[in-house]
Amino acid sequence: MSTANLAVMHRDVAARWGPKSALRFRRHGVYHDLSWSDYRRQCDAAAAGLLDLGLKIGDRVALFSDNRPEWLLADVALLSAGLVNVPLHASLVPMQAAYQIQHSQARGIIVDGPVRLDRIRSVLAALPQIEFIVAFDPVHWHAPLPCLSWEGLKQKGIHHLRRRPSHVRERMEALTRDDLATIIYTSGTTGVPKGVMLTHGNLLANAQAMREQSDLEPDDLLLSWLPYSHIYARTCDHYTTMMTGCTVALADHMDTVVRQLSEIQPTWMTAVPRFYEKIWNLVAPLPIPDRADQLQNIFGRRIKWLTSGGAPLDPNIAEGFHEAGLLLLQGYGLTEASPVISFNSRKEYRLASVGAVLPGVEVVIAEDGEILTRGPHVMKGYWQDPDATREVIDDDGWLHTGDVGYLDEDGFLFITDRKKDIIVTAGGKNIAPAELERLLVADPHIDHAIIFGDAKPYVSALIVPQPQLLEAKAKELGCTVEKKGELITAPALVGFFLKRVEHLMQAVSQPERVKKILLLGRSLSLDQEELTPKLSVRRKAIIHKFLDEFERLYEKD
């Protein structure tokens, strides 16, 4: 593929498809279509507005917003101005957002409206490098820092283009595939987020490979609802569909997806395993002949197939969908790989696998079983962290994924384990257990904490209280330390610790928060191999020991 960069790709696609619908979205209860021509015009205006602010190629701008059409417009505008989009997850609390903005040295911030703006306002003193803010929705702003409306930015750009009509085109054509397109922060094993640097070439290569593997056509219609701040939706729902020229319909919210499926009647949808688990729980009790009708009622008569990513999909759910006549296929990747490494297609698939390796992507299995990948999809590195980059990309260019698996004789990839100590929830959220455990043990009543939640809808924890404080608290509450096995079951004590956990979790975003706990009635033990000789916690051994109890926490969900 010879396209120089993502912005030129968007310009060329818009010129080709002109009046055809690019985006479909609902405002005030009414669906609207945005044509490719109007899409490009608005991006040019916004890009020129950014250039008028004096931003240079490679400057970073943070984008802090929920999904909405303006998110996609802002992304293309940033890329067209030669800028680096630093997307922040909409759920981030103020200090988390401030870290990523400061670490990336962003010069400006784009927010959706008052909620995100208030979070920025509360940490603005820690962001002295910020020169401007842009807001999609009307906001009240009294700080000395300039705050432009989205419409105001575009108007500024229109005036700029009257003076310099070719400025945006010149900027776009100066960009190469090696130029940085985005920095996406992802959890590290220590909890300190690392900024993944992805270039225009990385994202173009991955979108092109996905287009070939997914067999998308210009008349396809995608219902899109996964957050664009994650690279999964960014590449699959945004760049791959853009390259194809098909229409993307935006869901209002994750809670409206099922209702909007019947309204929009898409031909394709991407989602995470948790979504399909909920759907399967609705249809599984039905007689087998009725499941197909119910699934078709939910997903619509035009649906061709469904794809899952971001976390492992239960093979039984994929089999159940397949038996009901609907293909549910999964892929595999990680942010550092732009993200897709392998993907099942409608023509060739193995339901239990994560698909065949994408065209142009190399995969080998190391001696210890770790999956390594190399190719144009592999990130440039971690922003301002060469040591961390060298830890995951070796001298031969192989990215060490931290996942363990194998390739079968037909080239399909299977994942069997994870080397790196990261939890991936059923919703696709990557969570560093060490960071949550550090927060929890800062409480004087908590001696140790072990986080659980891989492939689960939310995070839970085993809490090990400080023995003396536990005894004193039980006496204060007037209760005995009731146990079931080794776990404390006294409601008053469990409730006391759960409240303390909930308070501590205010420091992290909603998907990272511990929702339920187990309470251990004793200290961790060397003799029971719960601690190393250096008194470090053996997380995997403890989780294995209490796995049944952890699983029961989720039974009623």
Protein backbone atom coordinates (compact mmCIF):
# COMPACT_ATOMS: atom_id res chain seq x y z
CA MET A 1 0.00 0.00 0.00
CA SER A 2 1.55 3.30 -1.10
CA THR A 3 -0.61 5.80 0.85
CA ALA A 4 1.73 8.26 2.56
CA ASN A 5 -0.24 8.75 5.78
CA LEU A 6 -3.66 8.43 7.40
CA ALA A 7 -4.71 11.99 6.56
CA VAL A 8 -4.03 11.54 2.84
CA MET A 9 -5.89 8.24 2.98
CA HIS A 10 -8.94 10.00 4.44
CA ARG A 11 -8.75 12.77 1.84
CA ASP A 12 -8.55 10.27 -1.03
CA VAL A 13 -11.43 8.14 0.31
CA ALA A 14 -13.59 11.24 0.83
CA ALA A 15 -12.88 12.39 -2.73
CA ARG A 16 -13.84 8.98 -4.07
CA TRP A 17 -17.10 8.54 -2.16
CA GLY A 18 -18.24 12.18 -1.92
CA PRO A 19 -21.99 12.23 -1.12
CA LYS A 20 -22.07 8.69 0.27
CA SER A 21 -22.77 8.43 4.02
CA ALA A 22 -19.61 8.13 6.10
CA LEU A 23 -21.05 8.52 9.61
CA ARG A 24 -24.53 7.97 11.04
CA PHE A 25 -25.41 9.24 14.50
CA ARG A 26 -28.38 10.33 16.57
CA ARG A 27 -28.93 13.82 17.94
CA HIS A 28 -32.05 14.81 19.87
CA GLY A 29 -33.69 11.50 18.98
CA VAL A 30 -33.16 11.85 15.21
CA TYR A 31 -30.59 10.01 13.08
CA HIS A 32 -28.32 12.13 10.89
CA ASP A 33 -25.89 11.15 8.14
CA LEU A 34 -22.60 12.91 7.49
CA SER A 35 -21.33 12.48 3.92
CA TRP A 36 -17.71 11.83 3.08
CA SER A 37 -17.51 15.30 1.48
CA ASP A 38 -18.81 17.07 4.59
CA TYR A 39 -16.61 14.88 6.79
CA ARG A 40 -13.54 16.08 4.86
CA ARG A 41 -14.63 19.73 4.84
CA GLN A 42 -15.07 19.79 8.60
CA CYS A 43 -11.72 18.06 9.16
CA ASP A 44 -9.96 20.57 6.91
CA ALA A 45 -11.52 23.48 8.82
CA ALA A 46 -10.61 22.08 12.23
CA ALA A 47 -7.09 21.19 11.06
CA ALA A 48 -6.59 24.74 9.77
CA GLY A 49 -7.85 26.07 13.12
CA LEU A 50 -5.19 24.00 14.90
CA LEU A 51 -2.53 25.28 12.51
CA ASP A 52 -3.69 28.84 13.24
CA LEU A 53 -2.85 28.19 16.90
CA GLY A 54 0.79 27.75 15.87
CA LEU A 55 1.06 23.98 16.34
CA LYS A 56 3.90 22.22 14.55
CA ILE A 57 4.38 18.73 13.13
CA GLY A 58 4.78 16.27 15.99
CA ASP A 59 3.16 18.44 18.68
CA ARG A 60 0.87 16.47 20.99
CA VAL A 61 -2.78 17.28 21.72
CA ALA A 62 -4.84 15.30 24.25
CA LEU A 63 -8.37 14.18 23.32
CA PHE A 64 -10.51 13.58 26.42
CA SER A 65 -14.00 12.58 25.33
CA ASP A 66 -16.63 9.88 25.13
CA ASN A 67 -17.43 8.44 21.70
CA ARG A 68 -19.22 10.88 19.40
CA PRO A 69 -18.88 12.02 15.78
CA GLU A 70 -16.64 14.92 16.82
CA TRP A 71 -14.14 12.43 18.29
CA LEU A 72 -13.58 10.98 14.82
CA LEU A 73 -13.54 14.42 13.19
CA ALA A 74 -11.03 15.68 15.75
CA ASP A 75 -8.79 12.66 15.21
CA VAL A 76 -8.65 13.18 11.45
CA ALA A 77 -8.16 16.93 11.95
CA LEU A 78 -5.24 16.33 14.32
CA LEU A 79 -3.65 13.89 11.89
CA SER A 80 -4.21 16.29 8.96
CA ALA A 81 -2.42 19.04 10.90
CA GLY A 82 0.54 16.70 11.48
CA LEU A 83 -0.22 16.49 15.20
CA VAL A 84 -0.10 13.52 17.56
CA ASN A 85 -3.41 12.47 19.09
CA VAL A 86 -3.07 11.50 22.78
CA PRO A 87 -6.48 9.90 23.52
CA LEU A 88 -7.50 9.73 27.17
CA HIS A 89 -10.04 7.17 28.33
CA ALA A 90 -13.21 9.03 29.27
CA SER A 91 -13.36 7.24 32.64
CA LEU A 92 -10.00 8.57 33.88
CA VAL A 93 -10.06 10.43 37.18
CA PRO A 94 -8.33 13.87 37.22
CA MET A 95 -4.89 12.77 38.44
CA GLN A 96 -4.74 9.91 35.93
CA ALA A 97 -5.59 12.29 33.10
CA ALA A 98 -3.08 14.85 34.36
CA TYR A 99 -0.27 12.28 34.36
CA GLN A 100 -0.84 11.33 30.71
CA ILE A 101 -1.23 14.95 29.58
CA GLN A 102 1.91 16.02 31.42
CA HIS A 103 3.98 12.98 30.45
CA SER A 104 3.11 13.35 26.75
CA GLN A 105 3.91 17.10 26.93
CA ALA A 106 0.63 17.91 25.20
CA ARG A 107 0.24 21.55 24.17
CA GLY A 108 -3.56 21.50 24.17
CA ILE A 109 -6.59 19.47 25.25
CA ILE A 110 -9.83 18.72 23.42
CA VAL A 111 -12.75 17.76 25.71
CA ASP A 112 -16.34 16.77 25.01
CA GLY A 113 -18.07 18.94 27.59
CA PRO A 114 -18.45 20.07 31.21
CA VAL A 115 -17.72 16.74 32.91
CA ARG A 116 -14.29 16.24 31.36
CA LEU A 117 -13.55 19.98 31.52
CA ASP A 118 -14.19 20.00 35.27
CA ARG A 119 -11.71 17.15 35.68
CA ILE A 120 -9.10 19.16 33.79
CA ARG A 121 -9.93 22.31 35.73
CA SER A 122 -9.19 20.53 39.01
CA VAL A 123 -5.62 19.62 37.92
CA LEU A 124 -4.81 22.55 35.66
CA ALA A 125 -2.16 23.84 38.08
CA ALA A 126 -0.18 20.65 37.37
CA LEU A 127 -0.30 21.28 33.60
CA PRO A 128 1.68 24.49 33.00
CA GLN A 129 2.50 23.52 29.40
CA ILE A 130 -1.15 23.58 28.26
CA GLU A 131 -1.81 26.52 25.91
CA PHE A 132 -5.45 26.00 24.92
CA ILE A 133 -8.58 23.90 25.39
CA VAL A 134 -11.25 23.06 22.81
CA ALA A 135 -14.73 21.87 23.88
CA PHE A 136 -17.25 20.10 21.67
CA ASP A 137 -20.24 21.19 23.80
CA PRO A 138 -20.96 24.62 25.34
CA VAL A 139 -19.08 25.09 28.62
CA HIS A 140 -18.48 27.79 31.21
CA TRP A 141 -14.82 28.71 31.51
CA HIS A 142 -13.32 31.57 33.51
CA ALA A 143 -9.64 30.61 33.59
CA PRO A 144 -7.03 32.73 31.80
CA LEU A 145 -6.30 29.81 29.46
CA PRO A 146 -8.13 30.14 26.09
CA CYS A 147 -11.09 27.78 25.66
CA LEU A 148 -12.47 27.52 22.12
CA SER A 149 -15.71 25.91 21.08
CA TRP A 150 -15.50 23.21 18.40
CA GLU A 151 -17.44 25.46 16.04
CA GLY A 152 -15.15 28.34 16.97
CA LEU A 153 -12.09 26.26 16.09
CA LYS A 154 -13.56 25.44 12.66
CA GLN A 155 -14.45 29.08 12.03
CA LYS A 156 -10.91 30.06 12.94
CA GLY A 157 -9.75 27.47 10.41
CA ILE A 158 -12.01 28.78 7.66
CA HIS A 159 -10.53 32.26 8.10
CA HIS A 160 -7.04 30.75 8.15
CA LEU A 161 -7.69 28.93 4.86
CA ARG A 162 -8.73 32.18 3.19
CA ARG A 163 -5.24 33.50 3.92
CA ARG A 164 -3.40 30.23 3.28
CA PRO A 165 -5.72 27.98 1.21
CA SER A 166 -3.16 25.20 0.72
CA HIS A 167 -1.78 25.12 4.28
CA VAL A 168 -3.57 21.93 5.40
CA ARG A 169 -2.73 20.14 2.15
CA GLU A 170 0.92 21.15 2.49
CA ARG A 171 1.04 19.87 6.06
CA MET A 172 -0.60 16.57 5.10
CA GLU A 173 1.77 16.00 2.19
CA ALA A 174 4.79 16.68 4.40
CA LEU A 175 3.94 13.67 6.58
CA THR A 176 5.42 10.22 6.03
CA ARG A 177 4.53 6.76 7.25
CA ASP A 178 7.29 7.11 9.87
CA ASP A 179 5.69 10.15 11.50
CA LEU A 180 4.02 9.64 14.86
CA ALA A 181 0.20 9.51 14.73
CA THR A 182 -0.76 8.75 18.31
CA ILE A 183 0.48 8.02 21.82
CA ILE A 184 -1.84 5.65 23.68
CA TYR A 185 -1.25 5.00 27.35
CA THR A 186 -1.58 1.41 28.49
CA SER A 187 -1.13 -0.20 31.89
CA GLY A 188 2.31 -1.49 32.77
CA THR A 189 2.87 -4.34 35.21
CA THR A 190 3.85 -1.80 37.88
CA GLY A 191 0.77 0.31 37.27
CA VAL A 192 2.67 3.24 35.75
CA PRO A 193 1.09 3.81 32.32
CA LYS A 194 3.41 3.66 29.32
CA GLY A 195 2.82 5.73 26.19
CA VAL A 196 2.69 3.47 23.13
CA MET A 197 3.94 5.35 20.06
CA LEU A 198 2.15 4.33 16.87
CA THR A 199 3.06 5.83 13.52
CA HIS A 200 0.95 6.51 10.44
CA GLY A 201 2.64 3.49 8.86
CA ASN A 202 1.81 1.23 11.81
CA LEU A 203 -1.88 2.07 11.64
CA LEU A 204 -2.11 2.04 7.83
CA ALA A 205 -0.47 -1.39 7.66
CA ASN A 206 -2.76 -2.84 10.31
CA ALA A 207 -5.91 -1.34 8.78
CA GLN A 208 -4.96 -2.66 5.35
CA ALA A 209 -4.32 -6.14 6.72
CA MET A 210 -7.61 -6.06 8.61
CA ARG A 211 -9.43 -4.96 5.48
CA GLU A 212 -8.05 -7.94 3.58
CA GLN A 213 -8.85 -10.38 6.39
CA SER A 214 -12.33 -9.04 7.19
CA ASP A 215 -13.60 -8.87 3.61
CA LEU A 216 -15.38 -5.55 4.22
CA GLU A 217 -17.26 -3.91 1.35
CA PRO A 218 -18.23 -0.24 0.76
CA ASP A 219 -21.92 -1.04 1.27
CA ASP A 220 -21.31 -2.54 4.73
CA LEU A 221 -22.71 -0.78 7.80
CA LEU A 222 -20.89 -1.06 11.13
CA LEU A 223 -22.50 -0.31 14.49
CA SER A 224 -19.67 1.17 16.55
CA TRP A 225 -19.71 1.55 20.33
CA LEU A 226 -16.33 0.49 21.76
CA PRO A 227 -14.29 3.47 23.04
CA TYR A 228 -12.10 5.10 20.40
CA SER A 229 -9.54 5.88 23.07
CA HIS A 230 -8.62 2.18 22.83
CA ILE A 231 -6.69 1.12 19.74
CA TYR A 232 -9.03 -1.83 19.06
CA ALA A 233 -11.96 0.40 18.06
CA ARG A 234 -9.64 3.03 16.61
CA THR A 235 -8.11 0.66 14.07
CA CYS A 236 -11.06 -1.66 13.36
CA ASP A 237 -14.04 0.70 13.61
CA HIS A 238 -12.35 3.90 12.42
CA TYR A 239 -9.36 3.39 10.10
CA THR A 240 -10.30 0.02 8.57
CA THR A 241 -13.83 1.16 7.73
CA MET A 242 -12.47 4.51 6.49
CA MET A 243 -10.15 2.68 4.12
CA THR A 244 -13.10 0.63 2.84
CA GLY A 245 -15.49 3.57 2.42
CA CYS A 246 -18.30 1.88 4.36
CA THR A 247 -20.65 3.64 6.78
CA VAL A 248 -20.07 3.75 10.53
CA ALA A 249 -23.12 4.19 12.75
CA LEU A 250 -22.31 5.39 16.26
CA ALA A 251 -24.25 4.02 19.22
CA ASP A 252 -25.44 6.64 21.68
CA HIS A 253 -24.02 4.73 24.64
CA MET A 254 -23.00 1.19 25.53
CA ASP A 255 -26.35 0.80 27.31
CA THR A 256 -28.29 1.52 24.09
CA VAL A 257 -26.44 -0.89 21.81
CA VAL A 258 -29.05 -3.68 21.84
CA ARG A 259 -31.90 -1.27 21.10
CA GLN A 260 -29.96 0.45 18.33
CA LEU A 261 -29.05 -2.85 16.70
CA SER A 262 -32.70 -3.22 15.67
CA GLU A 263 -32.90 0.42 14.58
CA ILE A 264 -29.68 0.52 12.55
CA GLN A 265 -29.65 -3.05 11.17
CA PRO A 266 -25.84 -3.27 10.73
CA THR A 267 -24.01 -5.84 8.65
CA TRP A 268 -21.08 -6.08 11.09
CA MET A 269 -20.25 -5.25 14.69
CA THR A 270 -17.15 -5.41 16.87
CA ALA A 271 -17.45 -5.94 20.62
CA VAL A 272 -15.73 -7.41 23.66
CA PRO A 273 -16.52 -10.81 25.24
CA ARG A 274 -18.55 -9.32 28.09
CA PHE A 275 -21.14 -8.01 25.61
CA TYR A 276 -21.58 -11.43 24.00
CA GLU A 277 -21.73 -13.10 27.42
CA LYS A 278 -24.74 -10.94 28.32
CA ILE A 279 -26.47 -11.75 25.04
CA TRP A 280 -25.76 -15.46 25.44
CA ASN A 281 -27.18 -15.44 28.97
CA LEU A 282 -30.44 -14.15 27.48
CA VAL A 283 -30.76 -16.82 24.80
CA ALA A 284 -29.08 -19.86 26.40
CA PRO A 285 -32.18 -20.88 28.44
CA LEU A 286 -34.28 -21.04 25.25
CA PRO A 287 -34.84 -24.27 23.31
CA ILE A 288 -32.09 -24.66 20.72
CA PRO A 289 -34.43 -24.01 17.71
CA ASP A 290 -35.55 -20.71 19.25
CA ARG A 291 -32.04 -19.35 19.85
CA ALA A 292 -31.45 -18.54 16.20
CA ASP A 293 -34.66 -16.52 15.95
CA GLN A 294 -33.86 -14.61 19.14
CA LEU A 295 -30.29 -13.82 18.05
CA GLN A 296 -31.58 -12.63 14.70
CA ASN A 297 -34.13 -10.45 16.48
CA ILE A 298 -31.34 -8.91 18.57
CA PHE A 299 -28.71 -8.38 15.85
CA GLY A 300 -31.03 -7.74 12.91
CA ARG A 301 -31.69 -9.44 9.60
CA ARG A 302 -28.71 -7.90 7.78
CA ILE A 303 -25.95 -9.01 10.15
CA LYS A 304 -23.23 -11.02 8.39
CA TRP A 305 -20.94 -11.75 11.31
CA LEU A 306 -19.73 -10.56 14.69
CA THR A 307 -16.20 -10.10 15.94
CA SER A 308 -14.74 -10.15 19.43
CA GLY A 309 -11.46 -8.79 20.74
CA GLY A 310 -9.77 -7.09 23.67
CA ALA A 311 -10.04 -10.15 25.95
CA PRO A 312 -10.41 -13.95 25.65
CA LEU A 313 -13.79 -15.18 24.38
CA ASP A 314 -15.32 -18.29 25.96
CA PRO A 315 -15.26 -20.93 23.16
CA ASN A 316 -18.61 -22.28 24.40
CA ILE A 317 -20.24 -18.94 23.58
CA ALA A 318 -18.70 -18.90 20.10
CA GLU A 319 -19.92 -22.48 19.57
CA GLY A 320 -23.40 -21.56 20.78
CA PHE A 321 -23.66 -18.62 18.38
CA HIS A 322 -22.37 -20.82 15.56
CA GLU A 323 -24.94 -23.54 16.25
CA ALA A 324 -27.60 -20.83 16.10
CA GLY A 325 -26.38 -19.80 12.66
CA LEU A 326 -24.41 -16.65 13.56
CA LEU A 327 -20.64 -16.41 13.22
CA LEU A 328 -18.91 -14.94 16.26
CA LEU A 329 -15.18 -14.85 15.59
CA GLN A 330 -12.33 -13.51 17.69
CA GLY A 331 -8.98 -11.94 16.97
CA TYR A 332 -5.89 -11.19 19.01
CA GLY A 333 -3.51 -8.32 19.48
CA LEU A 334 -2.21 -5.67 21.82
CA THR A 335 -1.81 -1.92 21.76
CA GLU A 336 1.88 -2.22 20.93
CA ALA A 337 0.92 -4.07 17.72
CA SER A 338 -1.54 -1.46 16.40
CA PRO A 339 -3.30 -3.76 17.66
CA VAL A 340 -4.27 -6.80 15.54
CA ILE A 341 -1.88 -9.72 15.14
CA SER A 342 -4.29 -12.49 14.15
CA PHE A 343 -7.93 -12.62 13.11
CA ASN A 344 -10.53 -15.18 12.07
CA SER A 345 -12.26 -14.48 8.76
CA ARG A 346 -15.63 -15.60 7.48
CA LYS A 347 -13.91 -17.75 4.85
CA GLU A 348 -11.42 -19.45 7.17
CA TYR A 349 -11.87 -19.75 10.91
CA ARG A 350 -11.33 -21.93 13.98
CA LEU A 351 -13.79 -20.98 16.71
CA ALA A 352 -11.44 -21.82 19.58
CA SER A 353 -8.54 -19.93 18.04
CA VAL A 354 -7.77 -16.22 17.78
CA GLY A 355 -7.43 -16.57 14.04
CA ALA A 356 -4.81 -16.76 11.35
CA VAL A 357 -1.88 -14.37 11.40
CA LEU A 358 -2.65 -11.21 9.40
CA PRO A 359 -1.03 -10.60 6.00
CA GLY A 360 2.33 -8.89 6.42
CA VAL A 361 2.60 -9.92 10.08
CA GLU A 362 5.21 -12.37 11.32
CA VAL A 363 4.62 -14.58 14.37
CA VAL A 364 6.96 -17.09 15.99
CA ILE A 365 6.70 -19.03 19.23
CA ALA A 366 9.71 -18.69 21.54
CA GLU A 367 11.23 -21.66 23.38
CA ASP A 368 9.24 -20.81 26.51
CA GLY A 369 6.01 -20.58 24.50
CA GLU A 370 5.80 -16.80 24.36
CA ILE A 371 4.25 -15.31 21.23
CA LEU A 372 6.59 -12.96 19.37
CA THR A 373 5.56 -10.76 16.46
CA ARG A 374 7.41 -8.62 13.94
CA GLY A 375 6.36 -6.39 11.08
CA PRO A 376 5.11 -2.95 10.09
CA HIS A 377 2.42 -3.10 12.79
CA VAL A 378 4.90 -3.07 15.70
CA MET A 379 5.05 0.20 17.63
CA LYS A 380 7.87 2.70 17.40
CA GLY A 381 8.42 2.28 21.14
CA TYR A 382 7.30 3.70 24.46
CA TRP A 383 7.27 7.49 24.72
CA GLN A 384 10.32 8.74 26.64
CA ASP A 385 11.08 5.25 27.93
CA PRO A 386 13.83 3.54 25.90
CA ASP A 387 14.55 1.04 28.69
CA ALA A 388 10.96 -0.23 28.69
CA THR A 389 11.07 -0.37 24.88
CA ARG A 390 14.18 -2.56 24.94
CA GLU A 391 12.44 -4.91 27.39
CA VAL A 392 9.71 -5.78 24.87
CA ILE A 393 11.35 -5.28 21.44
CA ASP A 394 14.55 -7.22 20.93
CA ASP A 395 17.48 -6.39 18.67
CA ASP A 396 15.92 -8.32 15.77
CA GLY A 397 12.67 -6.32 15.94
CA TRP A 398 10.55 -9.01 17.61
CA LEU A 399 7.86 -7.69 19.95
CA HIS A 400 7.50 -9.93 23.02
CA THR A 401 3.76 -10.03 23.66
CA GLY A 402 3.84 -11.53 27.14
CA ASP A 403 1.24 -14.08 26.02
CA VAL A 404 1.85 -17.81 25.67
CA GLY A 405 0.38 -19.91 22.88
CA TYR A 406 0.95 -22.04 19.80
CA LEU A 407 0.30 -22.14 16.06
CA ASP A 408 -1.51 -25.17 14.66
CA GLU A 409 -0.59 -26.86 11.39
CA ASP A 410 -2.91 -24.53 9.45
CA GLY A 411 -1.37 -21.36 10.89
CA PHE A 412 -4.13 -20.55 13.39
CA LEU A 413 -2.99 -19.02 16.67
CA PHE A 414 -4.16 -20.27 20.07
CA ILE A 415 -3.57 -18.45 23.38
CA THR A 416 -2.97 -20.66 26.42
CA ASP A 417 -1.57 -18.37 29.15
CA ARG A 418 -0.18 -14.94 29.97
CA LYS A 419 3.39 -14.32 31.08
CA LYS A 420 2.98 -10.68 32.01
CA ASP A 421 1.17 -9.83 35.20
CA ILE A 422 -1.73 -7.92 33.65
CA ILE A 423 -5.45 -8.57 34.12
CA VAL A 424 -7.71 -8.20 31.09
CA THR A 425 -11.37 -7.97 32.09
CA ALA A 426 -14.21 -9.32 29.98
CA GLY A 427 -14.79 -5.73 28.90
CA GLY A 428 -11.27 -5.56 27.46
CA LYS A 429 -9.84 -3.27 30.15
CA ASN A 430 -6.16 -3.85 30.90
CA ILE A 431 -5.50 -3.53 34.62
CA ALA A 432 -2.23 -3.67 36.53
CA PRO A 433 -2.92 -5.64 39.74
CA ALA A 434 0.23 -4.32 41.42
CA GLU A 435 -1.06 -0.75 41.29
CA LEU A 436 -4.43 -1.64 42.83
CA GLU A 437 -2.73 -3.77 45.47
CA ARG A 438 -0.43 -0.87 46.32
CA LEU A 439 -3.45 1.38 46.83
CA LEU A 440 -5.18 -1.17 49.05
CA VAL A 441 -2.26 -1.95 51.35
CA ALA A 442 -1.83 1.77 52.01
CA ASP A 443 -4.82 1.34 54.34
CA PRO A 444 -3.55 0.60 57.87
CA HIS A 445 -6.18 -2.12 58.33
CA ILE A 446 -4.97 -4.10 55.28
CA ASP A 447 -1.84 -6.24 55.41
CA HIS A 448 -2.00 -7.74 51.91
CA ALA A 449 -4.34 -7.59 48.91
CA ILE A 450 -4.51 -9.93 45.92
CA ILE A 451 -6.41 -8.74 42.84
CA PHE A 452 -8.55 -11.08 40.72
CA GLY A 453 -10.59 -10.44 37.58
CA ASP A 454 -9.00 -11.84 34.44
CA ALA A 455 -11.79 -12.36 31.85
CA LYS A 456 -14.36 -11.30 34.47
CA PRO A 457 -16.84 -8.39 34.21
CA TYR A 458 -15.19 -6.52 37.08
CA VAL A 459 -12.32 -6.73 39.56
CA SER A 460 -12.47 -8.41 42.98
CA ALA A 461 -9.84 -8.86 45.69
CA LEU A 462 -8.73 -11.10 48.51
CA ILE A 463 -8.11 -8.82 51.50
CA VAL A 464 -5.76 -9.92 54.28
CA PRO A 465 -6.42 -7.73 57.34
CA GLN A 466 -3.82 -6.64 59.87
CA PRO A 467 -4.41 -9.27 62.63
CA GLN A 468 -4.39 -6.93 65.64
CA LEU A 469 -6.59 -4.32 63.96
CA LEU A 470 -8.99 -7.02 62.78
CA GLU A 471 -9.41 -8.28 66.35
CA ALA A 472 -9.95 -4.74 67.65
CA LYS A 473 -12.49 -3.94 64.92
CA ALA A 474 -14.42 -7.15 65.60
CA LYS A 475 -14.62 -6.23 69.27
CA GLU A 476 -15.71 -2.68 68.38
CA LEU A 477 -18.46 -3.97 66.10
CA GLY A 478 -19.57 -6.47 68.71
CA CYS A 479 -19.21 -9.46 66.44
CA THR A 480 -17.25 -12.66 66.36
CA VAL A 481 -14.86 -13.45 63.53
CA GLU A 482 -17.15 -15.96 61.83
CA LYS A 483 -15.33 -18.09 59.27
CA LYS A 484 -16.19 -20.42 56.47
CA GLY A 485 -13.01 -22.35 56.02
CA GLU A 486 -10.27 -19.72 56.08
CA LEU A 487 -12.49 -16.85 54.95
CA ILE A 488 -14.28 -14.45 57.26
CA THR A 489 -18.02 -14.34 56.64
CA ALA A 490 -19.18 -11.97 59.41
CA PRO A 491 -21.27 -9.40 57.47
CA ALA A 492 -20.25 -6.49 59.71
CA LEU A 493 -16.53 -7.13 59.17
CA VAL A 494 -16.85 -7.79 55.44
CA GLY A 495 -18.92 -4.62 55.10
CA PHE A 496 -16.37 -2.57 57.06
CA PHE A 497 -13.50 -3.63 54.79
CA LEU A 498 -15.59 -3.26 51.63
CA LYS A 499 -16.32 0.38 52.54
CA ARG A 500 -12.61 1.03 53.05
CA VAL A 501 -11.87 -0.58 49.68
CA GLU A 502 -14.55 1.52 47.95
CA HIS A 503 -13.02 4.68 49.42
CA LEU A 504 -9.53 3.74 48.22
CA MET A 505 -10.83 2.96 44.73
CA GLN A 506 -11.87 6.59 44.19
CA ALA A 507 -8.27 7.13 43.04
CA VAL A 508 -8.76 5.03 39.90
CA SER A 509 -11.23 4.90 37.03
CA GLN A 510 -14.52 3.00 37.26
CA PRO A 511 -13.43 -0.11 35.27
CA GLU A 512 -10.41 -0.54 37.57
CA ARG A 513 -12.32 -0.45 40.85
CA VAL A 514 -12.62 -3.48 43.10
CA LYS A 515 -16.34 -4.29 43.40
CA LYS A 516 -16.34 -7.35 45.70
CA ILE A 517 -13.96 -8.85 48.24
CA LEU A 518 -13.02 -12.04 50.04
CA LEU A 519 -11.69 -11.57 53.59
CA LEU A 520 -8.96 -13.93 54.80
CA GLY A 521 -9.04 -14.75 58.50
CA ARG A 522 -5.32 -15.31 58.88
CA SER A 523 -1.98 -13.94 57.70
CA LEU A 524 -0.31 -15.17 54.53
CA SER A 525 2.10 -18.01 55.17
CA LEU A 526 5.51 -19.11 53.96
CA ASP A 527 4.68 -22.70 54.94
CA GLN A 528 1.64 -22.71 52.68
CA GLU A 529 3.72 -21.27 49.80
CA GLU A 530 1.73 -18.03 49.74
CA LEU A 531 4.91 -15.98 50.24
CA THR A 532 8.37 -16.28 48.71
CA PRO A 533 11.46 -16.55 50.92
CA LYS A 534 11.80 -12.79 50.41
CA LEU A 535 8.20 -12.45 51.70
CA SER A 536 6.83 -11.39 48.31
CA VAL A 537 3.25 -12.43 47.59
CA ARG A 538 2.79 -15.45 45.33
CA ARG A 539 -0.24 -14.04 43.52
CA LYS A 540 -0.89 -16.96 41.17
CA ALA A 541 -0.61 -19.56 43.93
CA ILE A 542 -3.05 -17.67 46.15
CA ILE A 543 -5.55 -17.14 43.34
CA HIS A 544 -5.37 -20.86 42.50
CA LYS A 545 -6.00 -21.74 46.16
CA PHE A 546 -9.09 -19.53 46.44
CA LEU A 547 -10.27 -19.84 42.85
CA ASP A 548 -13.60 -21.50 43.72
CA GLU A 549 -14.41 -18.76 46.24
CA PHE A 550 -13.51 -16.06 43.72
CA GLU A 551 -15.69 -17.69 41.09
CA ARG A 552 -18.66 -17.75 43.47
CA LEU A 553 -18.44 -13.96 43.80
CA TYR A 554 -19.55 -13.71 40.16
CA GLU A 555 -22.26 -16.38 40.13
CA LYS A 556 -25.19 -13.98 40.60
CA ASP A 557 -24.02 -11.44 37.99
